[in-house]
Protein backbone atom coordinates (compact mmCIF):
# COMPACT_ATOMS: atom_id res chain seq x y z
CA MET A 1 -39.84 79.90 52.83
CA ILE A 2 -38.68 77.50 49.57
CA THR A 3 -37.95 79.32 46.47
CA LYS A 4 -36.76 78.11 43.39
CA ASP A 5 -33.62 79.96 43.95
CA MET A 6 -32.86 78.32 47.18
CA PRO A 7 -29.44 76.31 47.54
CA LEU A 8 -29.67 72.31 47.70
CA GLY A 9 -27.63 72.11 50.49
CA GLU A 10 -29.31 74.79 52.53
CA LEU A 11 -32.80 73.23 52.08
CA VAL A 12 -31.70 69.62 53.08
CA GLU A 13 -29.66 71.30 56.26
CA LYS A 14 -32.73 73.53 57.34
CA VAL A 15 -35.60 71.04 56.71
CA PRO A 16 -33.70 67.52 57.12
CA PRO A 17 -37.31 65.77 55.75
CA ALA A 18 -36.46 67.10 52.18
CA ALA A 19 -34.11 65.00 51.71
CA GLU A 20 -37.10 62.14 51.55
CA VAL A 21 -39.49 64.63 48.89
CA LEU A 22 -36.25 64.90 46.51
CA LYS A 23 -36.14 61.00 46.53
CA SER A 24 -39.71 60.68 46.28
CA PHE A 25 -39.32 62.90 42.80
CA GLY A 26 -36.77 60.65 41.60
CA ILE A 27 -33.42 62.12 43.12
CA LYS A 28 -31.50 59.04 44.04
CA ASN A 29 -28.66 60.25 45.18
CA VAL A 30 -29.38 63.35 47.03
CA GLY A 31 -25.65 63.81 48.27
CA ARG A 32 -24.25 63.88 44.80
CA VAL A 33 -27.13 65.85 43.62
CA ILE A 34 -26.82 69.19 45.91
CA ALA A 35 -23.29 68.80 44.99
CA GLN A 36 -23.84 69.03 41.64
CA TYR A 37 -26.69 71.75 41.25
CA ASP A 38 -26.53 74.88 43.04
CA THR A 39 -30.89 75.45 43.37
CA LEU A 40 -33.80 73.93 42.94
CA GLU A 41 -34.77 75.33 39.92
CA GLN A 42 -31.44 73.96 38.41
CA CYS A 43 -31.92 70.51 39.76
CA ALA A 44 -35.43 70.41 38.48
CA GLY A 45 -34.74 71.87 35.27
CA ASP A 46 -32.06 69.26 34.45
CA LEU A 47 -34.03 66.37 35.74
CA HIS A 48 -36.79 67.24 33.98
CA ILE A 49 -39.16 67.56 37.09
CA ASP A 50 -41.94 70.08 37.85
CA LEU A 51 -40.62 72.89 39.62
CA ASP A 52 -43.94 73.82 40.59
CA ASP A 53 -45.02 70.54 42.11
CA LEU A 54 -41.52 69.99 43.82
CA LEU A 55 -41.82 73.47 45.40
CA CYS A 56 -45.32 72.83 46.66
CA GLU A 57 -44.18 69.25 48.05
CA LEU A 58 -40.99 70.76 49.84
CA SER A 59 -43.43 74.05 51.36
CA MET A 60 -45.30 71.51 52.81
CA VAL A 61 -43.05 69.48 54.69
CA ALA A 62 -41.10 72.40 55.68
CA THR A 63 -44.09 73.69 57.11
CA ASN A 64 -44.88 70.40 58.83
CA TYR A 65 -41.27 70.20 60.17
CA GLU A 66 -41.32 73.77 61.42
CA ILE A 67 -44.35 72.97 63.65
CA GLU A 68 -42.99 69.61 65.00
CA GLU A 69 -39.67 71.37 65.81
CA GLN A 70 -41.29 74.02 67.82
CA SER A 71 -43.71 71.51 69.64
CA LYS A 72 -40.86 69.61 70.86
CA CYS A 73 -39.19 70.16 74.45
CA HIS A 74 -35.41 72.18 74.26
CA CYS A 75 -35.24 72.02 78.09
CA GLY A 76 -33.05 68.88 77.59
CA CYS A 77 -35.52 66.20 78.74
CA GLY A 78 -35.85 64.81 75.73
CA GLY A 79 -39.81 65.33 75.78
CA HIS A 80 -41.83 66.57 72.85
CA GLY A 81 -44.15 69.08 73.99
CA HIS A 82 -45.30 67.90 77.01
CA HIS A 83 -43.43 65.59 80.17
CA HIS A 84 -44.25 61.58 80.80
CA GLY A 85 -45.17 62.00 84.49
CA HIS A 86 -42.24 64.07 85.70
CA GLU A 87 -41.34 67.93 86.46
CA HIS A 88 -38.96 70.01 85.49
CA GLY A 89 -38.50 73.02 87.32
CA HIS A 90 -36.17 74.75 84.57
CA CYS A 91 -39.05 74.40 82.29
CA HIS A 92 -40.82 77.46 83.79
CA GLY A 93 -44.29 75.26 83.39
CA HIS A 94 -44.56 75.68 79.79
CA HIS A 95 -45.41 71.97 79.71
CA THR A 96 -48.13 69.65 80.89
CA ALA A 97 -47.63 66.57 82.96
CA GLU A 98 -49.40 63.24 81.91
């Protein structure tokens, strides 16, 4: 869950697409901003960004990112939720073959 007290560095580490959201709100140099501000609230206040809008947008991106990450194959084959015409016994049948 993303909150106003969340450190910027932690946010971008846990949800990499959050950097694009920050940029869309006018934060051009995300790395410098992360070093300059501790929390989302501090950043939004100093840069005159609507905190509620920012939190809403970041929450949507975080939710989509979590769903996307959960659907990826973590067996090492590089698939994203299904295998492309090959079987891997170590996947324990949790993928569907095309």
